[in-house]
PDB file of all heavy atoms in Angstrom:
ATOM      1  N   ASN A   1       9.987  -0.951   1.498  1.00  0.00           N
ATOM      2  CA  ASN A   1      10.206  -2.155   0.614  1.00  0.00           C
ATOM      3  C   ASN A   1       9.205  -3.253   0.946  1.00  0.00           C
ATOM      4  O   ASN A   1       8.841  -3.512   2.056  1.00  0.00           O
ATOM      5  CB  ASN A   1      11.622  -2.648   0.786  1.00  0.00           C
ATOM      6  CG  ASN A   1      12.642  -1.779   0.126  1.00  0.00           C
ATOM      7  OD1 ASN A   1      12.395  -0.995  -0.789  1.00  0.00           O
ATOM      8  ND2 ASN A   1      13.888  -1.816   0.679  1.00  0.00           N
ATOM      9  N   VAL A   2       8.715  -3.904  -0.107  1.00  0.00           N
ATOM     10  CA  VAL A   2       7.813  -4.980  -0.021  1.00  0.00           C
ATOM     11  C   VAL A   2       8.498  -6.215  -0.489  1.00  0.00           C
ATOM     12  O   VAL A   2       9.040  -6.278  -1.686  1.00  0.00           O
ATOM     13  CB  VAL A   2       6.568  -4.745  -0.875  1.00  0.00           C
ATOM     14  CG1 VAL A   2       5.614  -5.980  -0.728  1.00  0.00           C
ATOM     15  CG2 VAL A   2       5.812  -3.496  -0.430  1.00  0.00           C
ATOM     16  N   ALA A   3       8.593  -7.245   0.328  1.00  0.00           N
ATOM     17  CA  ALA A   3       9.295  -8.545  -0.065  1.00  0.00           C
ATOM     18  C   ALA A   3       8.323  -9.433  -0.839  1.00  0.00           C
ATOM     19  O   ALA A   3       7.324  -9.865  -0.332  1.00  0.00           O
ATOM     20  CB  ALA A   3       9.831  -9.252   1.122  1.00  0.00           C
ATOM     21  N   LEU A   4       8.682  -9.701  -2.124  1.00  0.00           N
ATOM     22  CA  LEU A   4       7.838 -10.576  -2.904  1.00  0.00           C
ATOM     23  C   LEU A   4       8.658 -11.774  -3.354  1.00  0.00           C
ATOM     24  O   LEU A   4       9.891 -11.704  -3.524  1.00  0.00           O
ATOM     25  CB  LEU A   4       7.377  -9.865  -4.217  1.00  0.00           C
ATOM     26  CG  LEU A   4       6.475  -8.603  -4.109  1.00  0.00           C
ATOM     27  CD1 LEU A   4       6.116  -8.060  -5.456  1.00  0.00           C
ATOM     28  CD2 LEU A   4       5.297  -8.900  -3.243  1.00  0.00           C
ATOM     29  N   THR A   5       8.042 -12.912  -3.569  1.00  0.00           N
ATOM     30  CA  THR A   5       8.745 -14.024  -4.099  1.00  0.00           C
ATOM     31  C   THR A   5       8.795 -13.831  -5.633  1.00  0.00           C
ATOM     32  O   THR A   5       8.142 -12.906  -6.164  1.00  0.00           O
ATOM     33  CB  THR A   5       7.879 -15.360  -3.927  1.00  0.00           C
ATOM     34  OG1 THR A   5       6.670 -15.227  -4.670  1.00  0.00           O
ATOM     35  CG2 THR A   5       7.552 -15.581  -2.418  1.00  0.00           C
ATOM     36  N   PRO A   6       9.700 -14.532  -6.260  1.00  0.00           N
ATOM     37  CA  PRO A   6       9.821 -14.303  -7.733  1.00  0.00           C
ATOM     38  C   PRO A   6       8.543 -14.474  -8.525  1.00  0.00           C
ATOM     39  O   PRO A   6       8.259 -13.751  -9.470  1.00  0.00           O
ATOM     40  CB  PRO A   6      10.853 -15.356  -8.091  1.00  0.00           C
ATOM     41  CG  PRO A   6      11.749 -15.513  -6.962  1.00  0.00           C
ATOM     42  CD  PRO A   6      10.759 -15.390  -5.804  1.00  0.00           C
ATOM     43  N   THR A   7       7.714 -15.457  -8.099  1.00  0.00           N
ATOM     44  CA  THR A   7       6.409 -15.621  -8.809  1.00  0.00           C
ATOM     45  C   THR A   7       5.486 -14.461  -8.520  1.00  0.00           C
ATOM     46  O   THR A   7       4.839 -14.008  -9.497  1.00  0.00           O
ATOM     47  CB  THR A   7       5.732 -16.957  -8.249  1.00  0.00           C
ATOM     48  OG1 THR A   7       6.593 -18.028  -8.617  1.00  0.00           O
ATOM     49  CG2 THR A   7       4.380 -17.158  -8.967  1.00  0.00           C
ATOM     50  N   GLU A   8       5.436 -13.944  -7.338  1.00  0.00           N
ATOM     51  CA  GLU A   8       4.619 -12.770  -7.102  1.00  0.00           C
ATOM     52  C   GLU A   8       5.199 -11.572  -7.857  1.00  0.00           C
ATOM     53  O   GLU A   8       4.340 -10.775  -8.319  1.00  0.00           O
ATOM     54  CB  GLU A   8       4.681 -12.481  -5.555  1.00  0.00           C
ATOM     55  CG  GLU A   8       3.903 -13.530  -4.666  1.00  0.00           C
ATOM     56  CD  GLU A   8       4.293 -13.474  -3.210  1.00  0.00           C
ATOM     57  OE1 GLU A   8       5.147 -12.646  -2.855  1.00  0.00           O
ATOM     58  OE2 GLU A   8       3.624 -14.172  -2.474  1.00  0.00           O
ATOM     59  N   MET A   9       6.494 -11.484  -8.006  1.00  0.00           N
ATOM     60  CA  MET A   9       7.020 -10.376  -8.733  1.00  0.00           C
ATOM     61  C   MET A   9       6.651 -10.416 -10.171  1.00  0.00           C
ATOM     62  O   MET A   9       6.246  -9.463 -10.805  1.00  0.00           O
ATOM     63  CB  MET A   9       8.532 -10.336  -8.560  1.00  0.00           C
ATOM     64  CG  MET A   9       9.230  -9.052  -9.143  1.00  0.00           C
ATOM     65  SD  MET A   9       8.840  -7.596  -8.227  1.00  0.00           S
ATOM     66  CE  MET A   9       9.357  -6.312  -9.376  1.00  0.00           C
ATOM     67  N   ARG A  10       6.768 -11.586 -10.758  1.00  0.00           N
ATOM     68  CA  ARG A  10       6.355 -11.801 -12.127  1.00  0.00           C
ATOM     69  C   ARG A  10       4.917 -11.472 -12.343  1.00  0.00           C
ATOM     70  O   ARG A  10       4.541 -10.875 -13.365  1.00  0.00           O
ATOM     71  CB  ARG A  10       6.707 -13.216 -12.606  1.00  0.00           C
ATOM     72  CG  ARG A  10       8.185 -13.524 -12.770  1.00  0.00           C
ATOM     73  CD  ARG A  10       8.386 -14.983 -13.246  1.00  0.00           C
ATOM     74  NE  ARG A  10       7.857 -15.095 -14.607  1.00  0.00           N
ATOM     75  CZ  ARG A  10       8.575 -14.998 -15.702  1.00  0.00           C
ATOM     76  NH1 ARG A  10       9.856 -14.734 -15.605  1.00  0.00           N
ATOM     77  NH2 ARG A  10       8.023 -15.187 -16.899  1.00  0.00           N
ATOM     78  N   LEU A  11       4.090 -11.888 -11.414  1.00  0.00           N
ATOM     79  CA  LEU A  11       2.639 -11.607 -11.482  1.00  0.00           C
ATOM     80  C   LEU A  11       2.406 -10.089 -11.421  1.00  0.00           C
ATOM     81  O   LEU A  11       1.658  -9.530 -12.245  1.00  0.00           O
ATOM     82  CB  LEU A  11       1.943 -12.274 -10.295  1.00  0.00           C
ATOM     83  CG  LEU A  11       0.378 -12.183 -10.344  1.00  0.00           C
ATOM     84  CD1 LEU A  11      -0.252 -12.788 -11.550  1.00  0.00           C
ATOM     85  CD2 LEU A  11      -0.127 -12.919  -9.081  1.00  0.00           C
ATOM     86  N   LEU A  12       3.067  -9.395 -10.537  1.00  0.00           N
ATOM     87  CA  LEU A  12       2.925  -7.935 -10.475  1.00  0.00           C
ATOM     88  C   LEU A  12       3.420  -7.228 -11.703  1.00  0.00           C
ATOM     89  O   LEU A  12       2.803  -6.271 -12.173  1.00  0.00           O
ATOM     90  CB  LEU A  12       3.639  -7.411  -9.236  1.00  0.00           C
ATOM     91  CG  LEU A  12       3.561  -5.866  -9.021  1.00  0.00           C
ATOM     92  CD1 LEU A  12       2.118  -5.410  -8.936  1.00  0.00           C
ATOM     93  CD2 LEU A  12       4.322  -5.490  -7.727  1.00  0.00           C
ATOM     94  N   LEU A  13       4.497  -7.719 -12.314  1.00  0.00           N
ATOM     95  CA  LEU A  13       5.025  -7.144 -13.534  1.00  0.00           C
ATOM     96  C   LEU A  13       3.994  -7.256 -14.667  1.00  0.00           C
ATOM     97  O   LEU A  13       3.859  -6.352 -15.495  1.00  0.00           O
ATOM     98  CB  LEU A  13       6.321  -7.775 -13.924  1.00  0.00           C
ATOM     99  CG  LEU A  13       7.563  -7.422 -13.074  1.00  0.00           C
ATOM    100  CD1 LEU A  13       8.751  -8.223 -13.496  1.00  0.00           C
ATOM    101  CD2 LEU A  13       7.848  -5.943 -13.173  1.00  0.00           C
ATOM    102  N   GLU A  14       3.322  -8.397 -14.711  1.00  0.00           N
ATOM    103  CA  GLU A  14       2.234  -8.567 -15.790  1.00  0.00           C
ATOM    104  C   GLU A  14       1.147  -7.490 -15.622  1.00  0.00           C
ATOM    105  O   GLU A  14       0.761  -6.851 -16.551  1.00  0.00           O
ATOM    106  CB  GLU A  14       1.660  -9.960 -15.712  1.00  0.00           C
ATOM    107  CG  GLU A  14       2.534 -11.132 -16.251  1.00  0.00           C
ATOM    108  CD  GLU A  14       2.916 -10.867 -17.687  1.00  0.00           C
ATOM    109  OE1 GLU A  14       2.054 -10.512 -18.486  1.00  0.00           O
ATOM    110  OE2 GLU A  14       4.089 -11.123 -18.032  1.00  0.00           O
ATOM    111  N   PHE A  15       0.741  -7.325 -14.373  1.00  0.00           N
ATOM    112  CA  PHE A  15      -0.294  -6.284 -14.104  1.00  0.00           C
ATOM    113  C   PHE A  15       0.284  -4.881 -14.376  1.00  0.00           C
ATOM    114  O   PHE A  15      -0.404  -3.975 -14.934  1.00  0.00           O
ATOM    115  CB  PHE A  15      -0.762  -6.359 -12.635  1.00  0.00           C
ATOM    116  CG  PHE A  15      -1.712  -7.504 -12.372  1.00  0.00           C
ATOM    117  CD1 PHE A  15      -1.334  -8.454 -11.446  1.00  0.00           C
ATOM    118  CD2 PHE A  15      -2.828  -7.625 -13.026  1.00  0.00           C
ATOM    119  CE1 PHE A  15      -2.194  -9.546 -11.125  1.00  0.00           C
ATOM    120  CE2 PHE A  15      -3.695  -8.706 -12.767  1.00  0.00           C
ATOM    121  CZ  PHE A  15      -3.403  -9.672 -11.868  1.00  0.00           C
ATOM    122  N   SER A  16       1.550  -4.635 -13.987  1.00  0.00           N
ATOM    123  CA  SER A  16       2.118  -3.287 -14.087  1.00  0.00           C
ATOM    124  C   SER A  16       2.287  -2.882 -15.578  1.00  0.00           C
ATOM    125  O   SER A  16       2.294  -1.745 -15.928  1.00  0.00           O
ATOM    126  CB  SER A  16       3.440  -3.224 -13.353  1.00  0.00           C
ATOM    127  OG  SER A  16       3.321  -3.509 -12.023  1.00  0.00           O
ATOM    128  N   ASN A  17       2.561  -3.892 -16.344  1.00  0.00           N
ATOM    129  CA  ASN A  17       2.768  -3.645 -17.831  1.00  0.00           C
ATOM    130  C   ASN A  17       1.442  -3.369 -18.546  1.00  0.00           C
ATOM    131  O   ASN A  17       1.460  -2.875 -19.695  1.00  0.00           O
ATOM    132  CB  ASN A  17       3.435  -4.833 -18.473  1.00  0.00           C
ATOM    133  CG  ASN A  17       4.913  -4.929 -18.145  1.00  0.00           C
ATOM    134  OD1 ASN A  17       5.529  -3.949 -17.795  1.00  0.00           O
ATOM    135  ND2 ASN A  17       5.458  -6.112 -18.134  1.00  0.00           N
ATOM    136  N   ALA A  18       0.312  -3.545 -17.884  1.00  0.00           N
ATOM    137  CA  ALA A  18      -0.989  -3.381 -18.622  1.00  0.00           C
ATOM    138  C   ALA A  18      -1.992  -2.867 -17.463  1.00  0.00           C
ATOM    139  O   ALA A  18      -3.010  -3.434 -17.260  1.00  0.00           O
ATOM    140  CB  ALA A  18      -1.511  -4.600 -19.200  1.00  0.00           C
ATOM    141  N   PRO A  19      -1.696  -1.700 -16.795  1.00  0.00           N
ATOM    142  CA  PRO A  19      -2.617  -1.143 -15.789  1.00  0.00           C
ATOM    143  C   PRO A  19      -3.978  -0.832 -16.431  1.00  0.00           C
ATOM    144  O   PRO A  19      -4.058  -0.325 -17.486  1.00  0.00           O
ATOM    145  CB  PRO A  19      -1.928   0.063 -15.311  1.00  0.00           C
ATOM    146  CG  PRO A  19      -0.989   0.472 -16.404  1.00  0.00           C
ATOM    147  CD  PRO A  19      -0.533  -0.819 -17.027  1.00  0.00           C
ATOM    148  N   GLY A  20      -4.987  -1.224 -15.663  1.00  0.00           N
ATOM    149  CA  GLY A  20      -6.359  -0.956 -16.151  1.00  0.00           C
ATOM    150  C   GLY A  20      -6.868  -1.988 -17.168  1.00  0.00           C
ATOM    151  O   GLY A  20      -8.101  -1.973 -17.502  1.00  0.00           O
ATOM    152  N   THR A  21      -6.060  -2.897 -17.557  1.00  0.00           N
ATOM    153  CA  THR A  21      -6.426  -3.984 -18.515  1.00  0.00           C
ATOM    154  C   THR A  21      -6.788  -5.197 -17.808  1.00  0.00           C
ATOM    155  O   THR A  21      -6.051  -5.654 -16.883  1.00  0.00           O
ATOM    156  CB  THR A  21      -5.342  -4.224 -19.534  1.00  0.00           C
ATOM    157  OG1 THR A  21      -4.967  -2.991 -20.237  1.00  0.00           O
ATOM    158  CG2 THR A  21      -5.690  -5.276 -20.510  1.00  0.00           C
ATOM    159  N   VAL A  22      -7.861  -5.780 -18.081  1.00  0.00           N
ATOM    160  CA  VAL A  22      -8.331  -7.056 -17.498  1.00  0.00           C
ATOM    161  C   VAL A  22      -7.474  -8.207 -18.012  1.00  0.00           C
ATOM    162  O   VAL A  22      -7.433  -8.386 -19.303  1.00  0.00           O
ATOM    163  CB  VAL A  22      -9.795  -7.333 -17.662  1.00  0.00           C
ATOM    164  CG1 VAL A  22     -10.167  -8.676 -17.018  1.00  0.00           C
ATOM    165  CG2 VAL A  22     -10.633  -6.189 -17.162  1.00  0.00           C
ATOM    166  N   LEU A  23      -6.814  -8.952 -17.165  1.00  0.00           N
ATOM    167  CA  LEU A  23      -5.970 -10.043 -17.555  1.00  0.00           C
ATOM    168  C   LEU A  23      -6.724 -11.291 -17.116  1.00  0.00           C
ATOM    169  O   LEU A  23      -6.970 -11.501 -15.950  1.00  0.00           O
ATOM    170  CB  LEU A  23      -4.565  -9.932 -16.938  1.00  0.00           C
ATOM    171  CG  LEU A  23      -3.834  -8.694 -17.228  1.00  0.00           C
ATOM    172  CD1 LEU A  23      -2.436  -8.758 -16.546  1.00  0.00           C
ATOM    173  CD2 LEU A  23      -3.662  -8.481 -18.669  1.00  0.00           C
ATOM    174  N   SER A  24      -6.903 -12.198 -18.042  1.00  0.00           N
ATOM    175  CA  SER A  24      -7.609 -13.426 -17.701  1.00  0.00           C
ATOM    176  C   SER A  24      -6.742 -14.400 -16.904  1.00  0.00           C
ATOM    177  O   SER A  24      -5.440 -14.276 -17.023  1.00  0.00           O
ATOM    178  CB  SER A  24      -8.145 -14.173 -18.983  1.00  0.00           C
ATOM    179  OG  SER A  24      -7.002 -14.639 -19.725  1.00  0.00           O
ATOM    180  N   ARG A  25      -7.314 -15.331 -16.188  1.00  0.00           N
ATOM    181  CA  ARG A  25      -6.510 -16.336 -15.511  1.00  0.00           C
ATOM    182  C   ARG A  25      -5.702 -17.163 -16.455  1.00  0.00           C
ATOM    183  O   ARG A  25      -4.515 -17.499 -16.131  1.00  0.00           O
ATOM    184  CB  ARG A  25      -7.428 -17.181 -14.617  1.00  0.00           C
ATOM    185  CG  ARG A  25      -8.077 -16.465 -13.499  1.00  0.00           C
ATOM    186  CD  ARG A  25      -9.210 -17.327 -12.761  1.00  0.00           C
ATOM    187  NE  ARG A  25      -9.723 -16.678 -11.652  1.00  0.00           N
ATOM    188  CZ  ARG A  25     -10.668 -15.764 -11.665  1.00  0.00           C
ATOM    189  NH1 ARG A  25     -11.193 -15.384 -12.897  1.00  0.00           N
ATOM    190  NH2 ARG A  25     -11.176 -15.211 -10.583  1.00  0.00           N
ATOM    191  N   ASP A  26      -6.270 -17.552 -17.650  1.00  0.00           N
ATOM    192  CA  ASP A  26      -5.534 -18.278 -18.616  1.00  0.00           C
ATOM    193  C   ASP A  26      -4.329 -17.523 -19.103  1.00  0.00           C
ATOM    194  O   ASP A  26      -3.251 -18.133 -19.259  1.00  0.00           O
ATOM    195  CB  ASP A  26      -6.500 -18.673 -19.715  1.00  0.00           C
ATOM    196  CG  ASP A  26      -7.503 -19.773 -19.414  1.00  0.00           C
ATOM    197  OD1 ASP A  26      -7.214 -20.413 -18.392  1.00  0.00           O
ATOM    198  OD2 ASP A  26      -8.470 -19.869 -20.112  1.00  0.00           O
ATOM    199  N   ARG A  27      -4.466 -16.222 -19.359  1.00  0.00           N
ATOM    200  CA  ARG A  27      -3.333 -15.467 -19.804  1.00  0.00           C
ATOM    201  C   ARG A  27      -2.199 -15.422 -18.761  1.00  0.00           C
ATOM    202  O   ARG A  27      -1.060 -15.575 -19.033  1.00  0.00           O
ATOM    203  CB  ARG A  27      -3.698 -14.044 -20.184  1.00  0.00           C
ATOM    204  CG  ARG A  27      -2.564 -13.158 -20.547  1.00  0.00           C
ATOM    205  CD  ARG A  27      -2.979 -11.754 -20.923  1.00  0.00           C
ATOM    206  NE  ARG A  27      -1.778 -10.877 -21.021  1.00  0.00           N
ATOM    207  CZ  ARG A  27      -1.901  -9.630 -21.465  1.00  0.00           C
ATOM    208  NH1 ARG A  27      -3.042  -9.123 -21.871  1.00  0.00           N
ATOM    209  NH2 ARG A  27      -0.810  -8.875 -21.529  1.00  0.00           N
ATOM    210  N   LEU A  28      -2.646 -15.278 -17.483  1.00  0.00           N
ATOM    211  CA  LEU A  28      -1.646 -15.218 -16.398  1.00  0.00           C
ATOM    212  C   LEU A  28      -0.968 -16.546 -16.202  1.00  0.00           C
ATOM    213  O   LEU A  28       0.189 -16.579 -15.930  1.00  0.00           O
ATOM    214  CB  LEU A  28      -2.321 -14.734 -15.085  1.00  0.00           C
ATOM    215  CG  LEU A  28      -2.799 -13.294 -15.101  1.00  0.00           C
ATOM    216  CD1 LEU A  28      -3.671 -13.025 -13.859  1.00  0.00           C
ATOM    217  CD2 LEU A  28      -1.637 -12.322 -15.147  1.00  0.00           C
ATOM    218  N   LEU A  29      -1.702 -17.645 -16.415  1.00  0.00           N
ATOM    219  CA  LEU A  29      -1.098 -18.914 -16.310  1.00  0.00           C
ATOM    220  C   LEU A  29      -0.096 -19.111 -17.424  1.00  0.00           C
ATOM    221  O   LEU A  29       1.008 -19.701 -17.156  1.00  0.00           O
ATOM    222  CB  LEU A  29      -2.188 -20.024 -16.451  1.00  0.00           C
ATOM    223  CG  LEU A  29      -2.981 -20.397 -15.230  1.00  0.00           C
ATOM    224  CD1 LEU A  29      -4.166 -21.300 -15.571  1.00  0.00           C
ATOM    225  CD2 LEU A  29      -2.153 -21.073 -14.120  1.00  0.00           C
ATOM    226  N   GLU A  30      -0.330 -18.624 -18.570  1.00  0.00           N
ATOM    227  CA  GLU A  30       0.553 -18.755 -19.716  1.00  0.00           C
ATOM    228  C   GLU A  30       1.779 -17.902 -19.512  1.00  0.00           C
ATOM    229  O   GLU A  30       2.972 -18.307 -19.743  1.00  0.00           O
ATOM    230  CB  GLU A  30      -0.113 -18.385 -20.975  1.00  0.00           C
ATOM    231  CG  GLU A  30       0.787 -18.504 -22.202  1.00  0.00           C
ATOM    232  CD  GLU A  30       0.064 -18.147 -23.499  1.00  0.00           C
ATOM    233  OE1 GLU A  30      -1.200 -17.837 -23.479  1.00  0.00           O
ATOM    234  OE2 GLU A  30       0.793 -18.119 -24.550  1.00  0.00           O
ATOM    235  N   ARG A  31       1.598 -16.616 -19.057  1.00  0.00           N
ATOM    236  CA  ARG A  31       2.671 -15.686 -19.033  1.00  0.00           C
ATOM    237  C   ARG A  31       3.569 -15.857 -17.742  1.00  0.00           C
ATOM    238  O   ARG A  31       4.713 -15.685 -17.779  1.00  0.00           O
ATOM    239  CB  ARG A  31       2.180 -14.244 -19.083  1.00  0.00           C
ATOM    240  CG  ARG A  31       1.406 -13.961 -20.367  1.00  0.00           C
ATOM    241  CD  ARG A  31       2.405 -13.884 -21.505  1.00  0.00           C
ATOM    242  NE  ARG A  31       3.437 -12.860 -21.356  1.00  0.00           N
ATOM    243  CZ  ARG A  31       3.255 -11.611 -21.751  1.00  0.00           C
ATOM    244  NH1 ARG A  31       2.166 -11.252 -22.384  1.00  0.00           N
ATOM    245  NH2 ARG A  31       4.257 -10.711 -21.594  1.00  0.00           N
ATOM    246  N   VAL A  32       2.932 -16.197 -16.616  1.00  0.00           N
ATOM    247  CA  VAL A  32       3.638 -16.305 -15.314  1.00  0.00           C
ATOM    248  C   VAL A  32       4.094 -17.681 -15.002  1.00  0.00           C
ATOM    249  O   VAL A  32       5.168 -17.955 -14.622  1.00  0.00           O
ATOM    250  CB  VAL A  32       2.769 -15.690 -14.230  1.00  0.00           C
ATOM    251  CG1 VAL A  32       3.506 -15.847 -12.888  1.00  0.00           C
ATOM    252  CG2 VAL A  32       2.409 -14.218 -14.433  1.00  0.00           C
ATOM    253  N   TRP A  33       3.173 -18.649 -15.317  1.00  0.00           N
ATOM    254  CA  TRP A  33       3.486 -20.056 -14.951  1.00  0.00           C
ATOM    255  C   TRP A  33       3.941 -20.889 -16.164  1.00  0.00           C
ATOM    256  O   TRP A  33       4.265 -22.058 -15.952  1.00  0.00           O
ATOM    257  CB  TRP A  33       2.251 -20.724 -14.299  1.00  0.00           C
ATOM    258  CG  TRP A  33       2.137 -20.294 -12.867  1.00  0.00           C
ATOM    259  CD1 TRP A  33       2.621 -20.956 -11.760  1.00  0.00           C
ATOM    260  CD2 TRP A  33       1.476 -19.141 -12.277  1.00  0.00           C
ATOM    261  NE1 TRP A  33       2.347 -20.310 -10.600  1.00  0.00           N
ATOM    262  CE2 TRP A  33       1.617 -19.165 -10.926  1.00  0.00           C
ATOM    263  CE3 TRP A  33       0.727 -18.058 -12.897  1.00  0.00           C
ATOM    264  CZ2 TRP A  33       1.056 -18.230 -10.092  1.00  0.00           C
ATOM    265  CZ3 TRP A  33       0.199 -17.117 -12.103  1.00  0.00           C
ATOM    266  CH2 TRP A  33       0.362 -17.208 -10.667  1.00  0.00           C
ATOM    267  N   ASP A  34       3.977 -20.299 -17.267  1.00  0.00           N
ATOM    268  CA  ASP A  34       4.439 -20.950 -18.531  1.00  0.00           C
ATOM    269  C   ASP A  34       3.596 -22.189 -18.863  1.00  0.00           C
ATOM    270  O   ASP A  34       4.039 -23.217 -19.320  1.00  0.00           O
ATOM    271  CB  ASP A  34       5.914 -21.404 -18.329  1.00  0.00           C
ATOM    272  CG  ASP A  34       6.583 -21.773 -19.604  1.00  0.00           C
ATOM    273  OD1 ASP A  34       6.095 -21.324 -20.650  1.00  0.00           O
ATOM    274  OD2 ASP A  34       7.617 -22.455 -19.575  1.00  0.00           O
ATOM    275  N   TYR A  35       2.267 -22.063 -18.624  1.00  0.00           N
ATOM    276  CA  TYR A  35       1.256 -23.110 -18.909  1.00  0.00           C
ATOM    277  C   TYR A  35       0.590 -22.729 -20.258  1.00  0.00           C
ATOM    278  O   TYR A  35      -0.442 -22.230 -20.242  1.00  0.00           O
ATOM    279  CB  TYR A  35       0.211 -23.258 -17.858  1.00  0.00           C
ATOM    280  CG  TYR A  35       0.673 -23.810 -16.555  1.00  0.00           C
ATOM    281  CD1 TYR A  35      -0.155 -23.871 -15.474  1.00  0.00           C
ATOM    282  CD2 TYR A  35       1.990 -24.334 -16.380  1.00  0.00           C
ATOM    283  CE1 TYR A  35       0.211 -24.475 -14.251  1.00  0.00           C
ATOM    284  CE2 TYR A  35       2.331 -24.924 -15.185  1.00  0.00           C
ATOM    285  CZ  TYR A  35       1.452 -24.931 -14.137  1.00  0.00           C
ATOM    286  OH  TYR A  35       1.851 -25.509 -12.925  1.00  0.00           O
ATOM    287  N   GLY A  36       1.247 -23.101 -21.337  1.00  0.00           N
ATOM    288  CA  GLY A  36       0.627 -22.830 -22.645  1.00  0.00           C
ATOM    289  C   GLY A  36      -0.637 -23.668 -22.892  1.00  0.00           C
ATOM    290  O   GLY A  36      -1.520 -23.361 -23.665  1.00  0.00           O
ATOM    291  N   TRP A  37      -0.771 -24.812 -22.114  1.00  0.00           N
ATOM    292  CA  TRP A  37      -1.899 -25.674 -22.270  1.00  0.00           C
ATOM    293  C   TRP A  37      -2.940 -25.397 -21.368  1.00  0.00           C
ATOM    294  O   TRP A  37      -3.948 -26.082 -21.345  1.00  0.00           O
ATOM    295  CB  TRP A  37      -1.399 -27.132 -22.058  1.00  0.00           C
ATOM    296  CG  TRP A  37      -0.526 -27.275 -20.847  1.00  0.00           C
ATOM    297  CD1 TRP A  37       0.826 -27.208 -20.834  1.00  0.00           C
ATOM    298  CD2 TRP A  37      -0.979 -27.515 -19.476  1.00  0.00           C
ATOM    299  NE1 TRP A  37       1.271 -27.443 -19.505  1.00  0.00           N
ATOM    300  CE2 TRP A  37       0.154 -27.509 -18.674  1.00  0.00           C
ATOM    301  CE3 TRP A  37      -2.197 -27.707 -18.920  1.00  0.00           C
ATOM    302  CZ2 TRP A  37       0.070 -27.756 -17.312  1.00  0.00           C
ATOM    303  CZ3 TRP A  37      -2.264 -27.863 -17.593  1.00  0.00           C
ATOM    304  CH2 TRP A  37      -1.095 -27.917 -16.761  1.00  0.00           C
ATOM    305  N   GLY A  38      -2.812 -24.420 -20.501  1.00  0.00           N
ATOM    306  CA  GLY A  38      -3.787 -24.147 -19.417  1.00  0.00           C
ATOM    307  C   GLY A  38      -3.449 -24.926 -18.193  1.00  0.00           C
ATOM    308  O   GLY A  38      -2.559 -25.728 -18.173  1.00  0.00           O
ATOM    309  N   GLY A  39      -4.101 -24.642 -17.074  1.00  0.00           N
ATOM    310  CA  GLY A  39      -3.846 -25.264 -15.851  1.00  0.00           C
ATOM    311  C   GLY A  39      -4.906 -24.895 -14.810  1.00  0.00           C
ATOM    312  O   GLY A  39      -5.933 -24.321 -15.122  1.00  0.00           O
TER     313      GLY A  39
END
């Protein structure tokens, strides 16, 4: 078992849902951190 924080888990889920697909930092900010305006 690997202990992840909720934010780390959400980040891994984003990657796991699109393996092999390049995810931009802006997309990850929007999907994981809820920053629709960027950050």
